[in-house]
Amino acid sequence: MKEEIKDIQKTSEGEEKLEPKPTTARATASSKPKGNEVPSSNEEDGLSLQEVIKEQVIEDERPLSRTLSLRKILGGDILNTAAIRRQIWLFILIAFFFVVYIANRYSCQHDIIEIDRLQTELQDAKYKALSSKGQLTEKSRESNVLNLLKNNKDSVLKIASQPPYIITIPESK
């Protein structure tokens, strides 16, 4: 059986009376003042406990008045829970777009850094190719090749003293 907590209540004559305190919300809603008990202020107004709870729950959710002023907007009255609940999907969509925007920006910055790195690498390769081409051109000049042939005595290659012959072949019909 559920435990019941004993509560001391004073009656209007000043006598103390021990009564079990209800442990559930349903029991509190069905409890009514008996005999000479002091009724609560809510029961004096004619409101039941359920009505009082409903009123307290929706107290902050009263609809906005028809007049919308700058003071209400800056004061935050426009951001009551009912307006937020109606627009929750809009807020989720905006948050999603922020995440996509940040991810896209990060990706673009990463790509730009990679492009800059590759461009500097390409520039370095072009400079190396240009310097190698210059060195190769210098070494393959005719005068340098002749000097190499003179210095290398075991070479059979010599400079031609006669111009090259042109051999013409007649076409057959």
N, C-alpha and C. Protein backbone atom coordinates (compact mmCIF):
# COMPACT_ATOMS: atom_id res chain seq x y z
N MET A 1 0.84 -1.16 0.00
CA MET A 1 0.00 0.00 0.00
C MET A 1 0.89 1.23 0.00
N LYS A 2 0.44 2.30 -0.62
CA LYS A 2 1.24 3.52 -0.72
C LYS A 2 1.33 4.20 0.63
N GLU A 3 2.47 4.85 0.82
CA GLU A 3 2.65 5.58 2.06
C GLU A 3 1.85 6.87 2.01
N GLU A 4 1.27 7.20 3.08
CA GLU A 4 0.56 8.47 3.18
C GLU A 4 1.25 9.30 4.24
N ILE A 5 1.48 10.54 3.91
CA ILE A 5 2.17 11.43 4.83
C ILE A 5 1.12 12.16 5.65
N LYS A 6 1.32 12.18 6.93
CA LYS A 6 0.39 12.87 7.82
C LYS A 6 0.72 14.35 7.82
N ASP A 7 -0.29 15.18 7.78
CA ASP A 7 -0.11 16.62 7.72
C ASP A 7 -0.95 17.25 8.83
N ILE A 8 -0.37 18.21 9.49
CA ILE A 8 -1.08 18.89 10.56
C ILE A 8 -1.76 20.11 9.98
N GLN A 9 -3.07 20.19 10.14
CA GLN A 9 -3.82 21.35 9.68
C GLN A 9 -4.55 21.95 10.88
N LYS A 10 -4.56 23.25 10.92
CA LYS A 10 -5.28 23.93 12.00
C LYS A 10 -6.66 24.27 11.51
N THR A 11 -7.61 24.02 12.32
CA THR A 11 -8.98 24.36 11.99
C THR A 11 -9.27 25.77 12.45
N SER A 12 -10.47 26.23 12.14
CA SER A 12 -10.82 27.61 12.49
C SER A 12 -10.90 27.80 14.01
N GLU A 13 -11.13 26.74 14.81
CA GLU A 13 -11.19 26.88 16.26
C GLU A 13 -9.80 26.80 16.88
N GLY A 14 -8.74 26.55 16.10
CA GLY A 14 -7.39 26.50 16.64
C GLY A 14 -6.98 25.11 17.02
N GLU A 15 -7.80 24.09 16.76
CA GLU A 15 -7.44 22.73 17.09
C GLU A 15 -6.57 22.16 15.98
N GLU A 16 -5.63 21.34 16.35
CA GLU A 16 -4.79 20.69 15.36
C GLU A 16 -5.43 19.37 15.00
N LYS A 17 -5.45 19.08 13.72
CA LYS A 17 -6.08 17.87 13.26
C LYS A 17 -5.12 17.15 12.31
N LEU A 18 -4.89 15.88 12.52
CA LEU A 18 -4.03 15.09 11.65
C LEU A 18 -4.88 14.46 10.57
N GLU A 19 -4.45 14.72 9.30
CA GLU A 19 -5.13 14.12 8.17
C GLU A 19 -4.08 13.56 7.22
N PRO A 20 -4.44 12.50 6.53
CA PRO A 20 -3.48 11.99 5.54
C PRO A 20 -3.38 12.98 4.38
N LYS A 21 -2.15 13.18 3.95
CA LYS A 21 -1.90 14.08 2.82
C LYS A 21 -1.94 13.24 1.55
N PRO A 22 -2.71 13.67 0.53
CA PRO A 22 -2.78 12.86 -0.69
C PRO A 22 -1.43 12.85 -1.41
N THR A 23 -1.13 11.72 -2.06
CA THR A 23 0.17 11.57 -2.70
C THR A 23 0.10 11.71 -4.21
N THR A 24 -1.06 11.73 -4.80
CA THR A 24 -1.13 11.85 -6.25
C THR A 24 -1.89 13.12 -6.62
N ALA A 25 -1.75 13.54 -7.87
CA ALA A 25 -2.43 14.74 -8.34
C ALA A 25 -3.93 14.51 -8.40
N ARG A 26 -4.35 13.30 -8.73
CA ARG A 26 -5.78 13.00 -8.83
C ARG A 26 -6.42 13.09 -7.44
N ALA A 27 -5.67 12.63 -6.45
CA ALA A 27 -6.21 12.70 -5.09
C ALA A 27 -6.31 14.14 -4.63
N THR A 28 -5.38 14.98 -5.02
CA THR A 28 -5.45 16.39 -4.61
C THR A 28 -6.58 17.09 -5.32
N ALA A 29 -6.89 16.70 -6.53
CA ALA A 29 -7.96 17.35 -7.28
C ALA A 29 -9.32 16.96 -6.70
N SER A 30 -9.42 15.75 -6.17
CA SER A 30 -10.71 15.31 -5.65
C SER A 30 -10.91 15.67 -4.18
N SER A 31 -9.85 16.15 -3.52
CA SER A 31 -10.01 16.48 -2.10
C SER A 31 -10.76 17.80 -1.97
N LYS A 32 -11.77 17.82 -1.12
CA LYS A 32 -12.62 18.98 -0.87
C LYS A 32 -12.52 19.30 0.62
N PRO A 33 -12.69 20.56 0.96
CA PRO A 33 -12.66 20.89 2.39
C PRO A 33 -13.85 20.25 3.10
N LYS A 34 -13.56 19.75 4.27
CA LYS A 34 -14.61 19.07 5.02
C LYS A 34 -14.92 19.87 6.28
N GLY A 35 -16.12 19.89 6.58
CA GLY A 35 -16.58 20.44 7.85
C GLY A 35 -16.05 21.80 8.15
N ASN A 36 -15.17 21.86 9.19
CA ASN A 36 -14.70 23.14 9.67
C ASN A 36 -13.30 23.49 9.17
N GLU A 37 -12.86 22.88 8.06
CA GLU A 37 -11.54 23.20 7.48
C GLU A 37 -11.60 24.55 6.80
N VAL A 38 -10.45 25.20 6.73
CA VAL A 38 -10.37 26.49 6.06
C VAL A 38 -10.22 26.25 4.57
N PRO A 39 -11.13 26.75 3.75
CA PRO A 39 -11.00 26.53 2.31
C PRO A 39 -9.89 27.42 1.75
N SER A 40 -9.25 26.94 0.68
CA SER A 40 -8.16 27.71 0.07
C SER A 40 -8.76 28.85 -0.73
N SER A 41 -7.91 29.81 -1.11
CA SER A 41 -8.39 31.00 -1.80
C SER A 41 -8.91 30.65 -3.19
N ASN A 42 -8.35 29.59 -3.81
CA ASN A 42 -8.82 29.20 -5.14
C ASN A 42 -10.22 28.62 -5.09
N GLU A 43 -10.52 27.88 -4.05
CA GLU A 43 -11.83 27.29 -3.92
C GLU A 43 -12.87 28.34 -3.59
N GLU A 44 -12.44 29.41 -2.93
CA GLU A 44 -13.37 30.50 -2.66
C GLU A 44 -13.79 31.17 -3.96
N ASP A 45 -12.89 31.24 -4.92
CA ASP A 45 -13.21 31.87 -6.19
C ASP A 45 -14.08 30.96 -7.05
N GLY A 46 -14.27 29.74 -6.68
CA GLY A 46 -15.10 28.82 -7.45
C GLY A 46 -14.30 28.05 -8.49
N LEU A 47 -12.97 28.05 -8.43
CA LEU A 47 -12.14 27.33 -9.39
C LEU A 47 -11.69 26.02 -8.78
N SER A 48 -11.75 24.98 -9.56
CA SER A 48 -11.24 23.70 -9.08
C SER A 48 -9.72 23.67 -9.25
N LEU A 49 -9.11 22.68 -8.68
CA LEU A 49 -7.67 22.57 -8.73
C LEU A 49 -7.19 22.36 -10.16
N GLN A 50 -7.91 21.60 -10.95
CA GLN A 50 -7.54 21.37 -12.34
C GLN A 50 -7.58 22.67 -13.14
N GLU A 51 -8.59 23.48 -12.88
CA GLU A 51 -8.70 24.76 -13.58
C GLU A 51 -7.55 25.69 -13.20
N VAL A 52 -7.17 25.66 -11.92
CA VAL A 52 -6.06 26.51 -11.47
C VAL A 52 -4.76 26.07 -12.12
N ILE A 53 -4.54 24.77 -12.20
CA ILE A 53 -3.32 24.25 -12.83
C ILE A 53 -3.29 24.60 -14.31
N LYS A 54 -4.41 24.44 -14.99
CA LYS A 54 -4.47 24.80 -16.41
C LYS A 54 -4.19 26.28 -16.61
N GLU A 55 -4.72 27.10 -15.71
CA GLU A 55 -4.50 28.55 -15.83
C GLU A 55 -3.03 28.89 -15.63
N GLN A 56 -2.38 28.23 -14.68
CA GLN A 56 -0.96 28.50 -14.45
C GLN A 56 -0.10 28.00 -15.60
N VAL A 57 -0.47 26.90 -16.20
CA VAL A 57 0.31 26.34 -17.29
C VAL A 57 0.25 27.24 -18.52
N ILE A 58 -0.93 27.74 -18.84
CA ILE A 58 -1.06 28.56 -20.05
C ILE A 58 -0.94 30.05 -19.77
N GLU A 59 -0.53 30.40 -18.58
CA GLU A 59 -0.43 31.82 -18.23
C GLU A 59 0.58 32.54 -19.11
N ASP A 60 1.72 31.90 -19.39
CA ASP A 60 2.74 32.54 -20.21
C ASP A 60 2.43 32.46 -21.69
N GLU A 61 1.43 31.70 -22.06
CA GLU A 61 1.14 31.48 -23.46
C GLU A 61 -0.06 32.29 -23.94
N ARG A 62 -0.32 33.38 -23.32
CA ARG A 62 -1.43 34.22 -23.77
C ARG A 62 -1.09 34.80 -25.13
N PRO A 63 -2.06 34.91 -26.01
CA PRO A 63 -1.77 35.43 -27.34
C PRO A 63 -1.36 36.90 -27.30
N LEU A 64 -0.60 37.29 -28.33
CA LEU A 64 -0.17 38.68 -28.42
C LEU A 64 -1.36 39.57 -28.70
N SER A 65 -1.27 40.79 -28.24
CA SER A 65 -2.33 41.73 -28.56
C SER A 65 -2.20 42.14 -30.02
N ARG A 66 -3.22 42.74 -30.56
CA ARG A 66 -3.23 43.11 -31.97
C ARG A 66 -2.23 44.22 -32.27
N THR A 67 -1.94 45.05 -31.30
CA THR A 67 -1.00 46.15 -31.55
C THR A 67 0.41 45.66 -31.29
N LEU A 68 1.24 45.79 -32.30
CA LEU A 68 2.62 45.36 -32.21
C LEU A 68 3.49 46.61 -32.23
N SER A 69 4.21 46.82 -31.16
CA SER A 69 5.02 48.03 -31.06
C SER A 69 6.49 47.66 -30.95
N LEU A 70 7.32 48.67 -31.14
CA LEU A 70 8.76 48.46 -31.03
C LEU A 70 9.14 48.04 -29.62
N ARG A 71 8.43 48.56 -28.65
CA ARG A 71 8.70 48.22 -27.25
C ARG A 71 8.45 46.73 -27.00
N LYS A 72 7.38 46.20 -27.59
CA LYS A 72 7.08 44.77 -27.41
C LYS A 72 8.12 43.90 -28.11
N ILE A 73 8.59 44.36 -29.27
CA ILE A 73 9.59 43.59 -30.01
C ILE A 73 10.92 43.59 -29.25
N LEU A 74 11.36 44.77 -28.81
CA LEU A 74 12.63 44.87 -28.09
C LEU A 74 12.53 44.25 -26.70
N GLY A 75 11.35 44.27 -26.12
CA GLY A 75 11.16 43.67 -24.80
C GLY A 75 11.12 42.15 -24.84
N GLY A 76 10.98 41.58 -26.01
CA GLY A 76 10.97 40.13 -26.14
C GLY A 76 9.59 39.52 -26.04
N ASP A 77 8.54 40.35 -26.01
CA ASP A 77 7.19 39.82 -25.92
C ASP A 77 6.82 39.02 -27.16
N ILE A 78 7.46 39.32 -28.26
CA ILE A 78 7.14 38.62 -29.51
C ILE A 78 7.66 37.18 -29.47
N LEU A 79 8.60 36.91 -28.59
CA LEU A 79 9.19 35.57 -28.51
C LEU A 79 8.55 34.72 -27.42
N ASN A 80 7.25 34.75 -27.32
CA ASN A 80 6.61 33.89 -26.34
C ASN A 80 6.60 32.45 -26.85
N THR A 81 6.24 31.54 -26.01
CA THR A 81 6.38 30.12 -26.37
C THR A 81 5.45 29.70 -27.49
N ALA A 82 4.29 30.30 -27.60
CA ALA A 82 3.36 29.91 -28.67
C ALA A 82 3.94 30.29 -30.03
N ALA A 83 4.52 31.48 -30.13
CA ALA A 83 5.10 31.90 -31.41
C ALA A 83 6.30 31.04 -31.77
N ILE A 84 7.09 30.68 -30.79
CA ILE A 84 8.25 29.83 -31.05
C ILE A 84 7.78 28.44 -31.48
N ARG A 85 6.76 27.91 -30.83
CA ARG A 85 6.27 26.59 -31.20
C ARG A 85 5.71 26.56 -32.61
N ARG A 86 5.04 27.64 -33.00
CA ARG A 86 4.49 27.68 -34.36
C ARG A 86 5.60 27.75 -35.40
N GLN A 87 6.70 28.36 -35.07
CA GLN A 87 7.77 28.58 -36.04
C GLN A 87 8.98 27.68 -35.83
N ILE A 88 8.83 26.57 -35.11
CA ILE A 88 9.97 25.72 -34.78
C ILE A 88 10.63 25.15 -36.03
N TRP A 89 9.86 24.80 -37.05
CA TRP A 89 10.46 24.24 -38.27
C TRP A 89 11.25 25.30 -39.02
N LEU A 90 10.81 26.54 -38.93
CA LEU A 90 11.58 27.63 -39.55
C LEU A 90 12.93 27.79 -38.85
N PHE A 91 12.92 27.73 -37.53
CA PHE A 91 14.18 27.84 -36.78
C PHE A 91 15.11 26.68 -37.09
N ILE A 92 14.54 25.47 -37.22
CA ILE A 92 15.37 24.31 -37.56
C ILE A 92 15.94 24.46 -38.97
N LEU A 93 15.14 24.97 -39.90
CA LEU A 93 15.61 25.19 -41.26
C LEU A 93 16.73 26.24 -41.30
N ILE A 94 16.57 27.31 -40.53
CA ILE A 94 17.61 28.34 -40.47
C ILE A 94 18.89 27.77 -39.87
N ALA A 95 18.77 26.98 -38.83
CA ALA A 95 19.96 26.36 -38.22
C ALA A 95 20.65 25.42 -39.21
N PHE A 96 19.85 24.67 -39.98
CA PHE A 96 20.42 23.78 -40.99
C PHE A 96 21.17 24.58 -42.05
N PHE A 97 20.59 25.70 -42.50
CA PHE A 97 21.26 26.53 -43.49
C PHE A 97 22.56 27.12 -42.93
N PHE A 98 22.57 27.48 -41.65
CA PHE A 98 23.80 27.97 -41.04
C PHE A 98 24.88 26.89 -41.05
N VAL A 99 24.51 25.67 -40.73
CA VAL A 99 25.49 24.57 -40.73
C VAL A 99 26.01 24.34 -42.14
N VAL A 100 25.12 24.33 -43.12
CA VAL A 100 25.54 24.13 -44.51
C VAL A 100 26.44 25.27 -44.96
N TYR A 101 26.10 26.50 -44.59
CA TYR A 101 26.90 27.67 -44.98
C TYR A 101 28.31 27.58 -44.38
N ILE A 102 28.40 27.24 -43.12
CA ILE A 102 29.70 27.14 -42.46
C ILE A 102 30.52 26.00 -43.07
N ALA A 103 29.88 24.87 -43.33
CA ALA A 103 30.59 23.73 -43.93
C ALA A 103 31.08 24.08 -45.34
N ASN A 104 30.24 24.76 -46.10
CA ASN A 104 30.62 25.15 -47.46
C ASN A 104 31.77 26.14 -47.44
N ARG A 105 31.72 27.10 -46.52
CA ARG A 105 32.80 28.08 -46.42
C ARG A 105 34.11 27.40 -46.03
N TYR A 106 34.04 26.48 -45.09
CA TYR A 106 35.23 25.75 -44.68
C TYR A 106 35.81 24.97 -45.86
N SER A 107 34.94 24.30 -46.61
CA SER A 107 35.38 23.52 -47.76
C SER A 107 36.03 24.41 -48.81
N CYS A 108 35.41 25.57 -49.09
CA CYS A 108 35.97 26.49 -50.08
C CYS A 108 37.32 27.03 -49.64
N GLN A 109 37.45 27.38 -48.36
CA GLN A 109 38.74 27.87 -47.87
C GLN A 109 39.80 26.78 -47.95
N HIS A 110 39.42 25.56 -47.67
CA HIS A 110 40.36 24.44 -47.78
C HIS A 110 40.81 24.27 -49.23
N ASP A 111 39.86 24.38 -50.17
CA ASP A 111 40.19 24.26 -51.59
C ASP A 111 41.08 25.41 -52.05
N ILE A 112 40.82 26.62 -51.58
CA ILE A 112 41.64 27.79 -51.97
C ILE A 112 43.08 27.62 -51.47
N ILE A 113 43.23 27.13 -50.25
CA ILE A 113 44.57 26.89 -49.71
C ILE A 113 45.29 25.83 -50.55
N GLU A 114 44.58 24.78 -50.94
CA GLU A 114 45.16 23.72 -51.77
C GLU A 114 45.55 24.27 -53.14
N ILE A 115 44.72 25.11 -53.74
CA ILE A 115 45.03 25.71 -55.04
C ILE A 115 46.26 26.60 -54.94
N ASP A 116 46.37 27.40 -53.89
CA ASP A 116 47.56 28.24 -53.71
C ASP A 116 48.82 27.41 -53.59
N ARG A 117 48.74 26.32 -52.84
CA ARG A 117 49.90 25.44 -52.67
C ARG A 117 50.32 24.83 -54.01
N LEU A 118 49.32 24.36 -54.76
CA LEU A 118 49.62 23.76 -56.06
C LEU A 118 50.16 24.79 -57.06
N GLN A 119 49.68 26.03 -56.99
CA GLN A 119 50.19 27.06 -57.90
C GLN A 119 51.65 27.40 -57.59
N THR A 120 52.01 27.47 -56.32
CA THR A 120 53.42 27.73 -55.99
C THR A 120 54.28 26.54 -56.41
N GLU A 121 53.77 25.32 -56.26
CA GLU A 121 54.51 24.15 -56.69
C GLU A 121 54.69 24.15 -58.21
N LEU A 122 53.66 24.54 -58.96
CA LEU A 122 53.74 24.64 -60.41
C LEU A 122 54.74 25.71 -60.83
N GLN A 123 54.73 26.83 -60.16
CA GLN A 123 55.67 27.92 -60.47
C GLN A 123 57.11 27.45 -60.24
N ASP A 124 57.34 26.74 -59.14
CA ASP A 124 58.68 26.21 -58.87
C ASP A 124 59.10 25.21 -59.97
N ALA A 125 58.18 24.36 -60.40
CA ALA A 125 58.50 23.39 -61.45
C ALA A 125 58.81 24.10 -62.77
N LYS A 126 58.09 25.17 -63.08
CA LYS A 126 58.36 25.93 -64.30
C LYS A 126 59.75 26.56 -64.25
N TYR A 127 60.11 27.12 -63.10
CA TYR A 127 61.44 27.72 -62.96
C TYR A 127 62.54 26.67 -63.11
N LYS A 128 62.34 25.50 -62.51
CA LYS A 128 63.34 24.43 -62.65
C LYS A 128 63.46 23.97 -64.09
N ALA A 129 62.32 23.85 -64.78
CA ALA A 129 62.35 23.43 -66.19
C ALA A 129 63.04 24.47 -67.05
N LEU A 130 62.80 25.74 -66.77
CA LEU A 130 63.44 26.81 -67.55
C LEU A 130 64.94 26.82 -67.34
N SER A 131 65.38 26.65 -66.10
CA SER A 131 66.82 26.63 -65.84
C SER A 131 67.47 25.38 -66.45
N SER A 132 66.77 24.23 -66.38
CA SER A 132 67.31 23.01 -67.00
C SER A 132 67.39 23.17 -68.51
N LYS A 133 66.39 23.78 -69.10
CA LYS A 133 66.39 24.01 -70.55
C LYS A 133 67.55 24.92 -70.95
N GLY A 134 67.80 25.94 -70.16
CA GLY A 134 68.93 26.84 -70.44
C GLY A 134 70.25 26.12 -70.37
N GLN A 135 70.43 25.28 -69.34
CA GLN A 135 71.67 24.52 -69.21
C GLN A 135 71.83 23.54 -70.38
N LEU A 136 70.75 22.88 -70.78
CA LEU A 136 70.82 21.94 -71.89
C LEU A 136 71.14 22.66 -73.21
N THR A 137 70.53 23.82 -73.41
CA THR A 137 70.81 24.60 -74.62
C THR A 137 72.27 25.01 -74.67
N GLU A 138 72.82 25.42 -73.54
CA GLU A 138 74.22 25.83 -73.49
C GLU A 138 75.16 24.67 -73.78
N LYS A 139 74.86 23.50 -73.21
CA LYS A 139 75.73 22.34 -73.42
C LYS A 139 75.61 21.76 -74.82
N SER A 140 74.49 21.95 -75.49
CA SER A 140 74.32 21.36 -76.82
C SER A 140 74.68 22.32 -77.97
N ARG A 141 75.24 23.46 -77.66
CA ARG A 141 75.69 24.36 -78.73
C ARG A 141 76.82 23.69 -79.51
N GLU A 142 76.90 24.07 -80.77
CA GLU A 142 77.89 23.44 -81.65
C GLU A 142 79.31 23.67 -81.16
N SER A 143 79.59 24.84 -80.68
CA SER A 143 80.96 25.13 -80.23
C SER A 143 81.31 24.29 -79.01
N ASN A 144 80.36 24.12 -78.11
CA ASN A 144 80.63 23.30 -76.92
C ASN A 144 80.79 21.83 -77.30
N VAL A 145 80.00 21.37 -78.26
CA VAL A 145 80.11 19.98 -78.70
C VAL A 145 81.47 19.76 -79.37
N LEU A 146 81.95 20.72 -80.21
CA LEU A 146 83.25 20.60 -80.86
C LEU A 146 84.37 20.59 -79.84
N ASN A 147 84.26 21.42 -78.84
CA ASN A 147 85.28 21.42 -77.77
C ASN A 147 85.32 20.09 -77.05
N LEU A 148 84.16 19.52 -76.79
CA LEU A 148 84.11 18.21 -76.14
C LEU A 148 84.74 17.14 -77.03
N LEU A 149 84.51 17.20 -78.33
CA LEU A 149 85.09 16.21 -79.25
C LEU A 149 86.61 16.36 -79.33
N LYS A 150 87.12 17.60 -79.32
CA LYS A 150 88.58 17.81 -79.36
C LYS A 150 89.22 17.31 -78.07
N ASN A 151 88.60 17.57 -76.98
CA ASN A 151 89.17 17.16 -75.70
C ASN A 151 89.10 15.65 -75.51
N ASN A 152 88.12 15.00 -76.07
CA ASN A 152 87.96 13.57 -75.95
C ASN A 152 88.61 12.93 -77.18
N LYS A 153 89.85 12.46 -77.05
CA LYS A 153 90.64 12.01 -78.20
C LYS A 153 90.25 10.63 -78.67
N ASP A 154 89.60 9.83 -77.91
CA ASP A 154 89.25 8.49 -78.37
C ASP A 154 87.92 8.47 -79.11
N SER A 155 87.40 9.60 -79.44
CA SER A 155 86.15 9.68 -80.18
C SER A 155 86.44 9.58 -81.67
N VAL A 156 85.64 8.88 -82.43
CA VAL A 156 85.79 8.73 -83.87
C VAL A 156 85.00 9.79 -84.62
N LEU A 157 84.25 10.55 -83.92
CA LEU A 157 83.46 11.59 -84.55
C LEU A 157 84.34 12.78 -84.87
N LYS A 158 84.20 13.29 -86.11
CA LYS A 158 84.99 14.44 -86.51
C LYS A 158 84.07 15.40 -87.24
N ILE A 159 84.52 16.60 -87.41
CA ILE A 159 83.76 17.60 -88.12
C ILE A 159 83.89 17.31 -89.60
N ALA A 160 82.77 17.38 -90.32
CA ALA A 160 82.78 17.11 -91.76
C ALA A 160 83.42 18.28 -92.49
N SER A 161 84.28 17.96 -93.47
CA SER A 161 84.94 19.02 -94.24
C SER A 161 84.15 19.35 -95.50
N GLN A 162 83.30 18.47 -95.94
CA GLN A 162 82.48 18.69 -97.13
C GLN A 162 81.02 18.85 -96.70
N PRO A 163 80.29 19.60 -97.49
CA PRO A 163 78.87 19.74 -97.16
C PRO A 163 78.14 18.43 -97.41
N PRO A 164 77.02 18.27 -96.83
CA PRO A 164 76.28 17.01 -97.00
C PRO A 164 75.77 16.88 -98.43
N TYR A 165 75.70 15.64 -98.93
CA TYR A 165 75.21 15.36 -100.28
C TYR A 165 73.69 15.22 -100.22
N ILE A 166 73.06 15.72 -101.27
CA ILE A 166 71.62 15.55 -101.40
C ILE A 166 71.40 14.50 -102.48
N ILE A 167 70.76 13.45 -102.14
CA ILE A 167 70.50 12.36 -103.07
C ILE A 167 69.05 12.48 -103.51
N THR A 168 68.89 12.57 -104.80
CA THR A 168 67.54 12.65 -105.34
C THR A 168 67.18 11.31 -105.95
N ILE A 169 66.00 10.88 -105.74
CA ILE A 169 65.52 9.61 -106.26
C ILE A 169 64.39 9.94 -107.23
N PRO A 170 64.55 9.49 -108.50
CA PRO A 170 63.48 9.77 -109.45
C PRO A 170 62.25 8.93 -109.13
N GLU A 171 61.15 9.51 -109.37
CA GLU A 171 59.90 8.81 -109.11
C GLU A 171 59.59 7.85 -110.25
N SER A 172 59.17 6.72 -109.97
CA SER A 172 58.85 5.75 -111.02
C SER A 172 57.37 5.86 -111.36
N LYS A 173 57.16 5.72 -112.72
CA LYS A 173 55.80 5.84 -113.21
C LYS A 173 55.18 4.53 -113.41
